[in-house]
Amino acid sequence: MKTTERPTLRAEHRSLMDVEIITGIPLARIVATELRKMFDTRSGFWLMTSIVTFAVLASIAVVLFAPDHELTYSSFIAAVGIPTTILLPVIAIVSVTDEWSQRSALVTFTLVPNRGLVLRAKSLASVITALVSVPVVFGVAALGHVAGTSIAGVQSNWDLDAANLLTIGLANLLALVLGFMVGLLVRRTAGAIVCYFVYTFVLPPLTMLLAGSQEWFYKAQPWIDYSYAQAQLFDGSLTDQQWVHLGVTALIWLAAPTVLGLRLVSRAEVK
């Protein structure tokens, strides 16, 4: 009797293990873990807090220093958009590079051997963070606009419609994707942040100078300069051709490097 029961029990145990291996950890649980990691660490907490803090300070600066005729909603959106566009990509960078900078990648990829699943969870957590924080920043700008016009005694000027806000939100989301891509390629927090700032703040002025001095680049710039194409999102509704420009440049500067970064991370040695 005992000899006949043991193989059955062992077979049932193996089948349960096989089911567990096949199903694995649900993606939603990993996303929730990545979201919690963004807020539990000191760097993540202060990055998220600083977005709202700088948005409030920027709104106060507009109220104090802007002329009465410039107390429009677009002025407040432009003011709060600067720290948001800078800090959101940093959050995405840190979400990727923390595993390598803090030497926790070995633990993470041991618990979840599927690296693609982990990276998918990190990307979804970053997007969720952007989808939550951007409307909050827009709300801070709206409150600043109401308060500023009330203090100045001028009429409110809501000069941005829903389409404008959507394109601005898309621009911030694309900036976050850019930070995520840089994090995949560099995998070190300091180096990735430096590369992102160089690409965002150093390269665009150089391309503008090149476009002003070289006619061939001036004509080709909308097709090859991603920062130029993305900047059109902040200016209002895009034409059909501008959407094509954005799609082509995003394919070159976002999609292709992201695929390369995913391959590098999937094959990188964990130490």
Protein backbone atom coordinates (compact mmCIF):
# COMPACT_ATOMS: atom_id res chain seq x y z
CA MET A 1 0.00 0.00 0.00
CA LYS A 2 2.73 2.47 0.92
CA THR A 3 4.76 1.77 -2.17
CA THR A 4 1.75 2.41 -4.39
CA GLU A 5 0.74 5.70 -2.67
CA ARG A 6 4.12 7.42 -2.74
CA PRO A 7 4.44 7.74 -6.52
CA THR A 8 0.87 9.07 -6.68
CA LEU A 9 1.58 11.73 -4.06
CA ARG A 10 4.83 12.66 -5.71
CA ALA A 11 3.11 12.88 -9.10
CA GLU A 12 0.42 15.15 -7.64
CA HIS A 13 3.11 17.30 -6.00
CA ARG A 14 4.98 17.60 -9.30
CA SER A 15 1.79 18.53 -11.12
CA LEU A 16 1.07 21.29 -8.61
CA MET A 17 4.62 22.58 -9.00
CA ASP A 18 4.24 22.52 -12.78
CA VAL A 19 1.02 24.51 -12.56
CA GLU A 20 2.70 27.06 -10.31
CA ILE A 21 5.65 27.41 -12.67
CA ILE A 22 3.39 27.81 -15.68
CA THR A 23 1.11 30.39 -14.08
CA GLY A 24 3.89 32.28 -12.28
CA ILE A 25 3.36 35.53 -10.44
CA PRO A 26 0.52 37.64 -11.88
CA LEU A 27 1.55 40.79 -13.72
CA ALA A 28 -0.82 42.89 -11.61
CA ARG A 29 0.98 41.82 -8.42
CA ILE A 30 4.37 42.76 -9.87
CA VAL A 31 3.00 46.13 -11.04
CA ALA A 32 1.66 46.77 -7.54
CA THR A 33 5.07 45.88 -6.10
CA GLU A 34 6.84 48.25 -8.48
CA LEU A 35 4.43 51.05 -7.59
CA ARG A 36 5.06 50.43 -3.91
CA LYS A 37 8.83 50.49 -4.52
CA MET A 38 8.46 53.90 -6.18
CA PHE A 39 6.96 55.38 -3.03
CA ASP A 40 8.65 53.35 -0.29
CA THR A 41 12.18 54.48 -1.08
CA ARG A 42 13.33 57.95 -0.04
CA SER A 43 14.36 58.88 -3.58
CA GLY A 44 11.04 57.80 -5.05
CA PHE A 45 9.01 59.53 -2.35
CA TRP A 46 10.83 62.83 -2.71
CA LEU A 47 10.70 62.70 -6.50
CA MET A 48 6.93 62.30 -6.40
CA THR A 49 6.58 64.96 -3.72
CA SER A 50 8.81 67.38 -5.60
CA ILE A 51 6.59 67.25 -8.70
CA VAL A 52 3.63 68.64 -6.78
CA THR A 53 5.82 70.99 -4.73
CA PHE A 54 7.47 72.54 -7.77
CA ALA A 55 4.10 72.80 -9.50
CA VAL A 56 2.77 74.83 -6.56
CA LEU A 57 5.89 77.02 -6.48
CA ALA A 58 5.69 77.62 -10.23
CA SER A 59 2.04 78.66 -9.93
CA ILE A 60 2.91 81.06 -7.10
CA ALA A 61 5.71 82.53 -9.25
CA VAL A 62 3.26 83.22 -12.08
CA VAL A 63 0.86 84.95 -9.69
CA LEU A 64 3.64 87.11 -8.24
CA PHE A 65 5.59 88.08 -11.33
CA ALA A 66 3.41 87.70 -14.43
CA PRO A 67 1.54 90.77 -15.78
CA ASP A 68 -2.21 90.73 -15.39
CA HIS A 69 -2.83 90.11 -19.10
CA GLU A 70 -0.63 86.98 -18.95
CA LEU A 71 -2.54 85.33 -16.10
CA THR A 72 -3.97 82.77 -18.51
CA TYR A 73 -4.38 79.07 -17.92
CA SER A 74 -1.73 78.35 -20.57
CA SER A 75 0.78 80.45 -18.64
CA PHE A 76 0.24 78.35 -15.51
CA ILE A 77 0.39 75.12 -17.54
CA ALA A 78 3.67 76.22 -19.11
CA ALA A 79 5.11 77.08 -15.69
CA VAL A 80 4.14 73.82 -13.98
CA GLY A 81 5.05 71.80 -17.08
CA ILE A 82 8.77 72.54 -16.74
CA PRO A 83 9.38 70.63 -13.47
CA THR A 84 6.92 67.92 -14.51
CA THR A 85 8.68 67.27 -17.81
CA ILE A 86 12.02 67.11 -16.00
CA LEU A 87 11.08 64.94 -13.01
CA LEU A 88 8.71 62.38 -14.56
CA PRO A 89 11.45 60.86 -16.76
CA VAL A 90 13.76 60.73 -13.74
CA ILE A 91 11.16 58.59 -11.96
CA ALA A 92 11.12 56.20 -14.92
CA ILE A 93 14.92 56.12 -14.99
CA VAL A 94 15.17 55.32 -11.28
CA SER A 95 12.55 52.57 -11.56
CA VAL A 96 14.80 50.74 -14.04
CA THR A 97 18.28 51.56 -12.76
CA ASP A 98 17.60 50.96 -9.06
CA GLU A 99 17.81 47.21 -9.64
CA TRP A 100 21.36 47.61 -10.95
CA SER A 101 22.60 50.58 -8.92
CA GLN A 102 21.39 49.13 -5.62
CA ARG A 103 22.51 45.61 -6.59
CA SER A 104 19.03 44.19 -6.08
CA ALA A 105 18.69 42.80 -9.61
CA LEU A 106 19.88 39.36 -8.47
CA VAL A 107 17.08 39.15 -5.90
CA THR A 108 14.44 40.52 -8.28
CA PHE A 109 15.30 38.25 -11.20
CA THR A 110 15.60 35.25 -8.90
CA LEU A 111 12.10 35.76 -7.53
CA VAL A 112 10.78 36.51 -11.04
CA PRO A 113 13.10 34.84 -13.58
CA ASN A 114 11.13 36.28 -16.49
CA ARG A 115 12.96 39.59 -16.97
CA GLY A 116 10.57 40.71 -19.67
CA LEU A 117 7.70 40.42 -17.20
CA VAL A 118 9.57 42.55 -14.65
CA LEU A 119 10.36 45.23 -17.22
CA ARG A 120 6.77 45.21 -18.43
CA ALA A 121 5.62 45.77 -14.86
CA LYS A 122 8.12 48.60 -14.41
CA SER A 123 6.92 50.30 -17.59
CA LEU A 124 3.26 49.96 -16.60
CA ALA A 125 4.00 51.32 -13.12
CA SER A 126 5.77 54.33 -14.66
CA VAL A 127 2.87 54.98 -17.04
CA ILE A 128 0.35 54.73 -14.18
CA THR A 129 2.43 57.23 -12.22
CA ALA A 130 2.35 59.64 -15.16
CA LEU A 131 -1.40 59.17 -15.71
CA VAL A 132 -2.02 60.07 -12.06
CA SER A 133 0.52 62.86 -11.58
CA VAL A 134 -0.14 64.82 -14.80
CA PRO A 135 -3.86 65.48 -14.02
CA VAL A 136 -2.86 66.45 -10.48
CA VAL A 137 -0.39 68.98 -11.89
CA PHE A 138 -3.05 70.29 -14.26
CA GLY A 139 -5.34 70.71 -11.26
CA VAL A 140 -2.66 72.66 -9.38
CA ALA A 141 -2.30 74.93 -12.42
CA ALA A 142 -6.08 75.43 -12.51
CA LEU A 143 -6.18 76.38 -8.83
CA GLY A 144 -3.29 78.78 -9.37
CA HIS A 145 -5.09 80.35 -12.30
CA VAL A 146 -8.28 80.87 -10.29
CA ALA A 147 -6.36 82.28 -7.33
CA GLY A 148 -4.16 84.50 -9.50
CA THR A 149 -7.00 86.05 -11.46
CA SER A 150 -9.01 86.58 -8.27
CA ILE A 151 -6.09 88.37 -6.58
CA ALA A 152 -5.40 90.51 -9.66
CA GLY A 153 -9.08 91.24 -10.17
CA VAL A 154 -9.08 90.12 -13.81
CA GLN A 155 -11.33 87.71 -15.66
CA SER A 156 -10.27 84.06 -15.91
CA ASN A 157 -8.94 83.06 -19.31
CA TRP A 158 -9.23 79.32 -19.93
CA ASP A 159 -7.41 79.42 -23.26
CA LEU A 160 -6.67 75.68 -23.41
CA ASP A 161 -9.27 73.12 -24.42
CA ALA A 162 -9.34 69.38 -23.76
CA ALA A 163 -7.41 68.60 -26.96
CA ASN A 164 -4.57 70.90 -25.90
CA LEU A 165 -4.38 69.28 -22.48
CA LEU A 166 -4.33 65.82 -24.04
CA THR A 167 -1.41 66.70 -26.32
CA ILE A 168 0.50 68.21 -23.40
CA GLY A 169 -0.20 65.10 -21.34
CA LEU A 170 1.00 62.96 -24.26
CA ALA A 171 4.21 65.01 -24.41
CA ASN A 172 4.86 64.31 -20.73
CA LEU A 173 4.11 60.62 -21.23
CA LEU A 174 6.56 60.44 -24.14
CA ALA A 175 9.17 62.17 -22.00
CA LEU A 176 8.67 59.46 -19.39
CA VAL A 177 9.07 56.75 -22.07
CA LEU A 178 12.30 58.44 -23.15
CA GLY A 179 13.60 58.27 -19.58
CA PHE A 180 12.62 54.60 -19.36
CA MET A 181 14.51 53.91 -22.59
CA VAL A 182 17.64 55.68 -21.35
CA GLY A 183 17.46 53.67 -18.12
CA LEU A 184 17.37 50.42 -20.10
CA LEU A 185 20.41 51.38 -22.15
CA VAL A 186 22.60 52.78 -19.35
CA ARG A 187 21.35 50.86 -16.26
CA ARG A 188 23.13 53.21 -13.85
CA THR A 189 21.14 55.99 -12.19
CA ALA A 190 23.69 58.81 -12.34
CA GLY A 191 24.82 58.02 -15.88
CA ALA A 192 21.26 57.63 -17.16
CA ILE A 193 20.14 60.95 -15.66
CA VAL A 194 23.16 62.72 -17.18
CA CYS A 195 22.46 61.18 -20.60
CA TYR A 196 18.81 62.20 -20.38
CA PHE A 197 19.65 65.81 -19.48
CA VAL A 198 22.22 66.02 -22.27
CA TYR A 199 19.69 64.72 -24.77
CA THR A 200 16.90 66.98 -23.49
CA PHE A 201 18.70 70.26 -22.80
CA VAL A 202 21.98 70.18 -24.74
CA LEU A 203 21.12 68.47 -28.00
CA PRO A 204 18.02 70.56 -28.99
CA PRO A 205 19.87 73.93 -29.05
CA LEU A 206 22.59 72.34 -31.17
CA THR A 207 20.06 70.98 -33.66
CA MET A 208 18.37 74.39 -33.82
CA LEU A 209 21.72 76.01 -34.62
CA LEU A 210 22.36 73.39 -37.27
CA ALA A 211 18.93 73.95 -38.78
CA GLY A 212 19.57 77.69 -38.87
CA SER A 213 22.88 77.30 -40.68
CA GLN A 214 22.28 74.26 -42.91
CA GLU A 215 19.33 74.25 -45.27
CA TRP A 216 19.41 70.49 -45.80
CA PHE A 217 19.02 69.87 -42.07
CA TYR A 218 16.30 72.52 -41.82
CA LYS A 219 14.23 70.53 -44.33
CA ALA A 220 15.01 67.17 -42.76
CA GLN A 221 14.69 68.24 -39.10
CA PRO A 222 10.99 67.37 -38.66
CA TRP A 223 11.73 63.81 -39.85
CA ILE A 224 14.86 63.10 -37.80
CA ASP A 225 14.76 65.41 -34.76
CA TYR A 226 12.57 63.83 -32.08
CA SER A 227 12.81 66.74 -29.64
CA TYR A 228 11.64 69.12 -32.37
CA ALA A 229 8.67 66.89 -33.26
CA GLN A 230 7.74 66.34 -29.59
CA ALA A 231 7.84 70.09 -28.86
CA GLN A 232 4.94 70.57 -31.26
CA LEU A 233 2.72 68.79 -28.72
CA PHE A 234 3.12 71.71 -26.31
CA ASP A 235 2.10 74.24 -28.95
CA GLY A 236 -1.41 72.96 -29.55
CA SER A 237 -3.19 70.70 -32.01
CA LEU A 238 -0.95 68.95 -34.52
CA THR A 239 -1.58 68.69 -38.23
CA ASP A 240 -1.64 65.31 -39.94
CA GLN A 241 1.89 65.83 -41.22
CA GLN A 242 3.15 66.76 -37.75
CA TRP A 243 1.67 63.55 -36.36
CA VAL A 244 3.56 61.64 -39.05
CA HIS A 245 6.77 63.48 -38.12
CA LEU A 246 6.25 62.56 -34.48
CA GLY A 247 5.61 58.92 -35.34
CA VAL A 248 8.70 58.59 -37.54
CA THR A 249 11.05 60.27 -35.05
CA ALA A 250 9.57 58.28 -32.14
CA LEU A 251 10.20 55.09 -34.08
CA ILE A 252 13.84 56.08 -34.57
CA TRP A 253 14.61 57.57 -31.15
CA LEU A 254 12.21 55.67 -28.86
CA ALA A 255 11.03 52.35 -30.28
CA ALA A 256 14.31 51.09 -31.76
CA PRO A 257 16.50 52.02 -28.74
CA THR A 258 13.88 50.53 -26.38
CA VAL A 259 14.01 47.21 -28.22
CA LEU A 260 17.80 47.31 -28.02
CA GLY A 261 17.65 48.13 -24.31
CA LEU A 262 15.29 45.23 -23.64
CA ARG A 263 17.65 42.84 -25.39
CA LEU A 264 20.62 44.18 -23.43
CA VAL A 265 18.82 43.80 -20.11
CA SER A 266 17.58 40.32 -20.96
CA ARG A 267 21.15 39.20 -21.66
CA ALA A 268 23.05 41.29 -19.10
CA GLU A 269 24.96 39.43 -16.41
CA VAL A 270 23.52 40.00 -12.96
CA LYS A 271 26.16 40.54 -10.30
